[in-house]
């Protein structure tokens, strides 16, 4: 059942993006194939092909997050980033982000401290 829900989420998020883009294109007065062309072009870089690639990448990312959970995915990304950046730089980037919830910021910062052996108060 969890696998089915994971796949449904992986399909659902890109469909929502495409639906919004189609609605926006229709609202601008376009009709027929021009609606789909404009919608795909507006989703990603490099025209329609970029839009399709963006939708596929979003589907894969959503599937991964739904399958493993946001905590596991965030830790995996942090491990990769820590190979090329200092822990302080990573923490600063995380804390500046408006797209990450406060609860997840605390978890990520604690994980960085755990990985680097720092002690927090």
N, C-alpha and C. Protein backbone atom coordinates (compact mmCIF):
# COMPACT_ATOMS: atom_id res chain seq x y z
N UNK A 1 0.82 -1.19 0.00
CA UNK A 1 0.00 0.00 0.00
C UNK A 1 0.87 1.26 0.00
N UNK A 2 1.96 1.23 0.79
CA UNK A 2 2.84 2.39 0.83
C UNK A 2 3.49 2.64 -0.53
N UNK A 3 3.84 1.57 -1.21
CA UNK A 3 4.45 1.69 -2.54
C UNK A 3 3.47 2.33 -3.52
N UNK A 4 2.20 1.94 -3.43
CA UNK A 4 1.17 2.51 -4.29
C UNK A 4 1.00 4.00 -4.02
N UNK A 5 0.98 4.37 -2.75
CA UNK A 5 0.85 5.78 -2.40
C UNK A 5 2.07 6.58 -2.85
N UNK A 6 3.23 5.97 -2.77
CA UNK A 6 4.45 6.62 -3.22
C UNK A 6 4.38 6.91 -4.72
N UNK A 7 3.92 5.95 -5.49
CA UNK A 7 3.79 6.14 -6.94
C UNK A 7 2.70 7.16 -7.28
N UNK A 8 1.61 7.15 -6.51
CA UNK A 8 0.55 8.12 -6.73
C UNK A 8 1.05 9.54 -6.48
N UNK A 9 1.84 9.72 -5.45
CA UNK A 9 2.42 11.04 -5.18
C UNK A 9 3.38 11.45 -6.28
N UNK A 10 4.16 10.48 -6.77
CA UNK A 10 5.13 10.76 -7.82
C UNK A 10 4.45 11.21 -9.11
N UNK A 11 3.27 10.72 -9.36
CA UNK A 11 2.52 11.13 -10.55
C UNK A 11 1.72 12.40 -10.28
N UNK A 12 1.20 12.51 -9.06
CA UNK A 12 0.30 13.61 -8.72
C UNK A 12 0.94 14.98 -8.73
N UNK A 13 2.14 15.12 -8.19
CA UNK A 13 2.78 16.43 -8.09
C UNK A 13 3.05 17.02 -9.47
N UNK A 14 3.67 16.29 -10.41
CA UNK A 14 3.85 16.87 -11.74
C UNK A 14 2.53 17.17 -12.46
N UNK A 15 1.50 16.36 -12.21
CA UNK A 15 0.20 16.63 -12.83
C UNK A 15 -0.37 17.94 -12.31
N UNK A 16 -0.20 18.20 -11.02
CA UNK A 16 -0.67 19.47 -10.47
C UNK A 16 0.07 20.64 -11.11
N UNK A 17 1.40 20.51 -11.24
CA UNK A 17 2.18 21.57 -11.88
C UNK A 17 1.70 21.81 -13.31
N UNK A 18 1.49 20.72 -14.06
CA UNK A 18 1.07 20.85 -15.45
C UNK A 18 -0.33 21.44 -15.54
N UNK A 19 -1.22 21.06 -14.64
CA UNK A 19 -2.58 21.60 -14.64
C UNK A 19 -2.58 23.10 -14.39
N UNK A 20 -1.77 23.55 -13.45
CA UNK A 20 -1.67 24.98 -13.18
C UNK A 20 -1.10 25.71 -14.40
N UNK A 21 -0.08 25.14 -15.01
CA UNK A 21 0.52 25.77 -16.20
C UNK A 21 -0.47 25.83 -17.36
N UNK A 22 -1.27 24.77 -17.53
CA UNK A 22 -2.28 24.77 -18.59
C UNK A 22 -3.35 25.83 -18.30
N UNK A 23 -3.79 25.92 -17.06
CA UNK A 23 -4.77 26.94 -16.70
C UNK A 23 -4.27 28.34 -16.95
N UNK A 24 -3.01 28.58 -16.64
CA UNK A 24 -2.41 29.88 -16.88
C UNK A 24 -2.33 30.18 -18.38
N UNK A 25 -1.96 29.16 -19.16
CA UNK A 25 -1.87 29.35 -20.61
C UNK A 25 -3.25 29.62 -21.22
N UNK A 26 -4.27 28.90 -20.73
CA UNK A 26 -5.63 29.12 -21.23
C UNK A 26 -6.13 30.51 -20.86
N UNK A 27 -5.79 30.96 -19.66
CA UNK A 27 -6.23 32.28 -19.21
C UNK A 27 -5.62 33.39 -20.05
N UNK A 28 -4.49 33.12 -20.68
CA UNK A 28 -3.87 34.14 -21.52
C UNK A 28 -4.47 34.17 -22.92
N UNK A 29 -5.47 33.32 -23.17
CA UNK A 29 -6.19 33.36 -24.44
C UNK A 29 -5.75 32.36 -25.48
N UNK A 30 -4.88 31.45 -25.13
CA UNK A 30 -4.41 30.46 -26.09
C UNK A 30 -5.44 29.33 -26.23
N UNK A 31 -5.40 28.64 -27.36
CA UNK A 31 -6.33 27.55 -27.61
C UNK A 31 -5.57 26.37 -28.21
N UNK A 32 -6.11 25.17 -28.05
CA UNK A 32 -5.59 23.98 -28.70
C UNK A 32 -4.19 23.60 -28.28
N UNK A 33 -3.39 23.22 -29.27
CA UNK A 33 -2.02 22.75 -29.03
C UNK A 33 -1.12 23.82 -28.46
N UNK A 34 -1.46 25.08 -28.72
CA UNK A 34 -0.65 26.18 -28.20
C UNK A 34 -0.69 26.21 -26.67
N UNK A 35 -1.79 25.74 -26.10
CA UNK A 35 -1.91 25.71 -24.64
C UNK A 35 -0.87 24.75 -24.06
N UNK A 36 -0.79 23.54 -24.62
CA UNK A 36 0.17 22.55 -24.11
C UNK A 36 1.60 23.00 -24.37
N UNK A 37 1.85 23.55 -25.55
CA UNK A 37 3.18 24.03 -25.88
C UNK A 37 3.63 25.11 -24.90
N UNK A 38 2.76 26.08 -24.66
CA UNK A 38 3.09 27.17 -23.75
C UNK A 38 3.23 26.66 -22.32
N UNK A 39 2.38 25.73 -21.90
CA UNK A 39 2.43 25.19 -20.54
C UNK A 39 3.77 24.48 -20.31
N UNK A 40 4.15 23.61 -21.21
CA UNK A 40 5.42 22.88 -21.05
C UNK A 40 6.61 23.83 -21.11
N UNK A 41 6.52 24.82 -22.00
CA UNK A 41 7.61 25.80 -22.13
C UNK A 41 7.78 26.60 -20.84
N UNK A 42 6.67 26.90 -20.17
CA UNK A 42 6.75 27.73 -18.97
C UNK A 42 7.20 26.95 -17.73
N UNK A 43 7.13 25.62 -17.77
CA UNK A 43 7.50 24.81 -16.61
C UNK A 43 9.01 24.70 -16.45
N UNK A 44 9.73 24.52 -17.54
CA UNK A 44 11.16 24.27 -17.42
C UNK A 44 11.98 25.08 -18.39
N UNK A 45 13.29 24.98 -18.28
CA UNK A 45 14.17 25.69 -19.19
C UNK A 45 14.25 24.99 -20.55
N UNK A 46 14.70 25.70 -21.56
CA UNK A 46 14.96 25.13 -22.88
C UNK A 46 13.69 24.63 -23.58
N UNK A 47 12.60 25.35 -23.43
CA UNK A 47 11.39 25.04 -24.19
C UNK A 47 10.62 23.83 -23.69
N UNK A 48 9.92 23.19 -24.63
CA UNK A 48 9.05 22.06 -24.28
C UNK A 48 9.85 20.88 -23.72
N UNK A 49 11.00 20.59 -24.33
CA UNK A 49 11.81 19.46 -23.86
C UNK A 49 12.26 19.69 -22.42
N UNK A 50 12.61 20.91 -22.11
CA UNK A 50 12.99 21.23 -20.74
C UNK A 50 11.83 21.08 -19.78
N UNK A 51 10.62 21.44 -20.21
CA UNK A 51 9.43 21.28 -19.39
C UNK A 51 9.14 19.82 -19.10
N UNK A 52 9.27 18.99 -20.13
CA UNK A 52 9.05 17.55 -19.94
C UNK A 52 10.12 16.98 -19.00
N UNK A 53 11.37 17.40 -19.19
CA UNK A 53 12.45 16.93 -18.31
C UNK A 53 12.22 17.37 -16.87
N UNK A 54 11.74 18.60 -16.68
CA UNK A 54 11.45 19.09 -15.33
C UNK A 54 10.35 18.27 -14.68
N UNK A 55 9.31 17.94 -15.43
CA UNK A 55 8.22 17.12 -14.89
C UNK A 55 8.73 15.73 -14.51
N UNK A 56 9.58 15.15 -15.35
CA UNK A 56 10.14 13.82 -15.04
C UNK A 56 11.04 13.87 -13.81
N UNK A 57 11.87 14.91 -13.71
CA UNK A 57 12.75 15.05 -12.55
C UNK A 57 11.92 15.24 -11.27
N UNK A 58 10.86 16.02 -11.38
CA UNK A 58 9.98 16.24 -10.23
C UNK A 58 9.33 14.93 -9.80
N UNK A 59 8.93 14.13 -10.77
CA UNK A 59 8.32 12.84 -10.48
C UNK A 59 9.30 11.92 -9.75
N UNK A 60 10.54 11.87 -10.22
CA UNK A 60 11.55 11.03 -9.58
C UNK A 60 11.87 11.53 -8.17
N UNK A 61 11.99 12.84 -8.01
CA UNK A 61 12.29 13.39 -6.69
C UNK A 61 11.14 13.13 -5.72
N UNK A 62 9.92 13.31 -6.18
CA UNK A 62 8.75 13.06 -5.34
C UNK A 62 8.66 11.60 -4.94
N UNK A 63 8.96 10.72 -5.88
CA UNK A 63 8.93 9.28 -5.58
C UNK A 63 9.97 8.93 -4.52
N UNK A 64 11.17 9.48 -4.64
CA UNK A 64 12.23 9.22 -3.66
C UNK A 64 11.84 9.73 -2.28
N UNK A 65 11.33 10.96 -2.23
CA UNK A 65 10.94 11.54 -0.95
C UNK A 65 9.79 10.76 -0.33
N UNK A 66 8.82 10.37 -1.14
CA UNK A 66 7.68 9.62 -0.62
C UNK A 66 8.10 8.22 -0.15
N UNK A 67 9.06 7.63 -0.85
CA UNK A 67 9.47 6.27 -0.51
C UNK A 67 10.33 6.23 0.76
N UNK A 68 11.29 7.12 0.86
CA UNK A 68 12.23 7.08 1.97
C UNK A 68 11.90 8.06 3.09
N UNK A 69 11.11 9.05 2.82
CA UNK A 69 10.80 10.06 3.81
C UNK A 69 11.71 11.26 3.68
N UNK A 70 11.23 12.40 4.10
CA UNK A 70 11.99 13.64 3.96
C UNK A 70 13.25 13.63 4.83
N UNK A 71 13.18 13.00 6.01
CA UNK A 71 14.35 12.98 6.89
C UNK A 71 15.51 12.22 6.25
N UNK A 72 15.24 11.04 5.73
CA UNK A 72 16.28 10.23 5.08
C UNK A 72 16.84 10.97 3.87
N UNK A 73 15.95 11.54 3.06
CA UNK A 73 16.38 12.25 1.86
C UNK A 73 17.25 13.46 2.23
N UNK A 74 16.83 14.22 3.23
CA UNK A 74 17.60 15.40 3.66
C UNK A 74 18.97 14.98 4.18
N UNK A 75 19.03 13.90 4.97
CA UNK A 75 20.32 13.44 5.49
C UNK A 75 21.25 12.99 4.37
N UNK A 76 20.69 12.35 3.37
CA UNK A 76 21.48 11.91 2.23
C UNK A 76 22.06 13.11 1.48
N UNK A 77 21.24 14.13 1.29
CA UNK A 77 21.71 15.35 0.61
C UNK A 77 22.77 16.05 1.46
N UNK A 78 22.55 16.14 2.76
CA UNK A 78 23.51 16.78 3.66
C UNK A 78 24.85 16.06 3.63
N UNK A 79 24.83 14.73 3.63
CA UNK A 79 26.08 13.97 3.56
C UNK A 79 26.87 14.32 2.30
N UNK A 80 26.18 14.47 1.19
CA UNK A 80 26.84 14.81 -0.06
C UNK A 80 27.39 16.23 -0.02
N UNK A 81 26.61 17.16 0.51
CA UNK A 81 27.03 18.57 0.56
C UNK A 81 28.21 18.76 1.52
N UNK A 82 28.22 18.02 2.61
CA UNK A 82 29.32 18.14 3.58
C UNK A 82 30.67 17.71 3.02
N UNK A 83 30.66 16.96 1.92
CA UNK A 83 31.92 16.56 1.29
C UNK A 83 32.61 17.74 0.61
N UNK A 84 31.82 18.76 0.22
CA UNK A 84 32.41 19.88 -0.51
C UNK A 84 32.31 21.22 0.21
N UNK A 85 31.50 21.30 1.29
CA UNK A 85 31.35 22.56 2.02
C UNK A 85 31.56 22.33 3.50
N UNK A 86 31.91 23.41 4.18
CA UNK A 86 32.10 23.31 5.63
C UNK A 86 30.75 23.21 6.33
N UNK A 87 30.72 22.60 7.51
CA UNK A 87 29.45 22.49 8.25
C UNK A 87 28.81 23.85 8.54
N UNK A 88 29.63 24.86 8.80
CA UNK A 88 29.10 26.20 9.08
C UNK A 88 28.39 26.78 7.86
N UNK A 89 28.98 26.58 6.67
CA UNK A 89 28.36 27.07 5.43
C UNK A 89 27.03 26.36 5.17
N UNK A 90 27.01 25.06 5.42
CA UNK A 90 25.78 24.30 5.19
C UNK A 90 24.69 24.76 6.15
N UNK A 91 25.06 24.92 7.42
CA UNK A 91 24.09 25.39 8.42
C UNK A 91 23.54 26.77 8.05
N UNK A 92 24.43 27.63 7.60
CA UNK A 92 24.01 28.98 7.22
C UNK A 92 23.02 28.93 6.05
N UNK A 93 23.31 28.09 5.07
CA UNK A 93 22.41 27.95 3.92
C UNK A 93 21.05 27.39 4.35
N UNK A 94 21.07 26.41 5.23
CA UNK A 94 19.83 25.80 5.71
C UNK A 94 19.00 26.83 6.48
N UNK A 95 19.66 27.55 7.38
CA UNK A 95 18.94 28.50 8.23
C UNK A 95 18.40 29.70 7.45
N UNK A 96 19.02 30.04 6.32
CA UNK A 96 18.53 31.15 5.50
C UNK A 96 17.32 30.76 4.65
N UNK A 97 17.16 29.48 4.38
CA UNK A 97 16.12 29.02 3.47
C UNK A 97 14.72 29.28 4.02
N UNK A 98 13.88 29.84 3.17
CA UNK A 98 12.48 30.05 3.54
C UNK A 98 11.64 28.81 3.26
N UNK A 99 12.17 27.87 2.51
CA UNK A 99 11.40 26.72 2.04
C UNK A 99 11.50 25.52 2.98
N UNK A 100 12.32 25.62 4.00
CA UNK A 100 12.50 24.51 4.93
C UNK A 100 11.83 24.90 6.25
N UNK A 101 11.01 24.01 6.77
CA UNK A 101 10.31 24.29 8.02
C UNK A 101 11.30 24.39 9.18
N UNK A 102 10.88 25.10 10.23
CA UNK A 102 11.75 25.26 11.40
C UNK A 102 12.08 23.91 12.04
N UNK A 103 11.10 23.02 12.09
CA UNK A 103 11.33 21.70 12.69
C UNK A 103 12.38 20.93 11.90
N UNK A 104 12.30 20.98 10.57
CA UNK A 104 13.28 20.27 9.75
C UNK A 104 14.65 20.93 9.85
N UNK A 105 14.69 22.27 9.96
CA UNK A 105 15.97 22.96 10.14
C UNK A 105 16.66 22.48 11.41
N UNK A 106 15.89 22.33 12.50
CA UNK A 106 16.47 21.86 13.76
C UNK A 106 17.02 20.44 13.61
N UNK A 107 16.26 19.58 12.93
CA UNK A 107 16.72 18.20 12.72
C UNK A 107 18.00 18.16 11.89
N UNK A 108 18.03 18.98 10.82
CA UNK A 108 19.20 18.99 9.94
C UNK A 108 20.42 19.53 10.68
N UNK A 109 20.23 20.62 11.43
CA UNK A 109 21.35 21.18 12.19
C UNK A 109 21.88 20.18 13.22
N UNK A 110 20.98 19.47 13.89
CA UNK A 110 21.40 18.45 14.86
C UNK A 110 22.15 17.33 14.14
N UNK A 111 21.69 16.95 12.95
CA UNK A 111 22.37 15.90 12.19
C UNK A 111 23.76 16.35 11.76
N UNK A 112 23.89 17.61 11.35
CA UNK A 112 25.21 18.13 10.97
C UNK A 112 26.15 18.10 12.17
N UNK A 113 25.63 18.53 13.34
CA UNK A 113 26.45 18.48 14.56
C UNK A 113 26.86 17.05 14.89
N UNK A 114 25.95 16.11 14.71
CA UNK A 114 26.23 14.70 14.97
C UNK A 114 27.31 14.17 14.03
N UNK A 115 27.23 14.56 12.77
CA UNK A 115 28.21 14.10 11.77
C UNK A 115 29.60 14.69 12.00
N UNK A 116 29.62 15.95 12.46
CA UNK A 116 30.91 16.62 12.62
C UNK A 116 31.44 16.52 14.04
N UNK A 117 30.65 15.95 14.97
CA UNK A 117 31.09 15.74 16.33
C UNK A 117 30.98 16.97 17.21
N UNK A 118 30.21 17.97 16.79
CA UNK A 118 30.04 19.17 17.59
C UNK A 118 29.00 18.93 18.67
N UNK A 119 29.11 19.68 19.74
CA UNK A 119 28.15 19.59 20.84
C UNK A 119 27.32 20.86 20.85
N UNK A 120 25.99 20.70 20.88
CA UNK A 120 25.11 21.87 20.90
C UNK A 120 24.47 21.98 22.25
N UNK A 121 24.05 23.18 22.58
CA UNK A 121 23.36 23.41 23.87
C UNK A 121 21.91 23.11 23.78
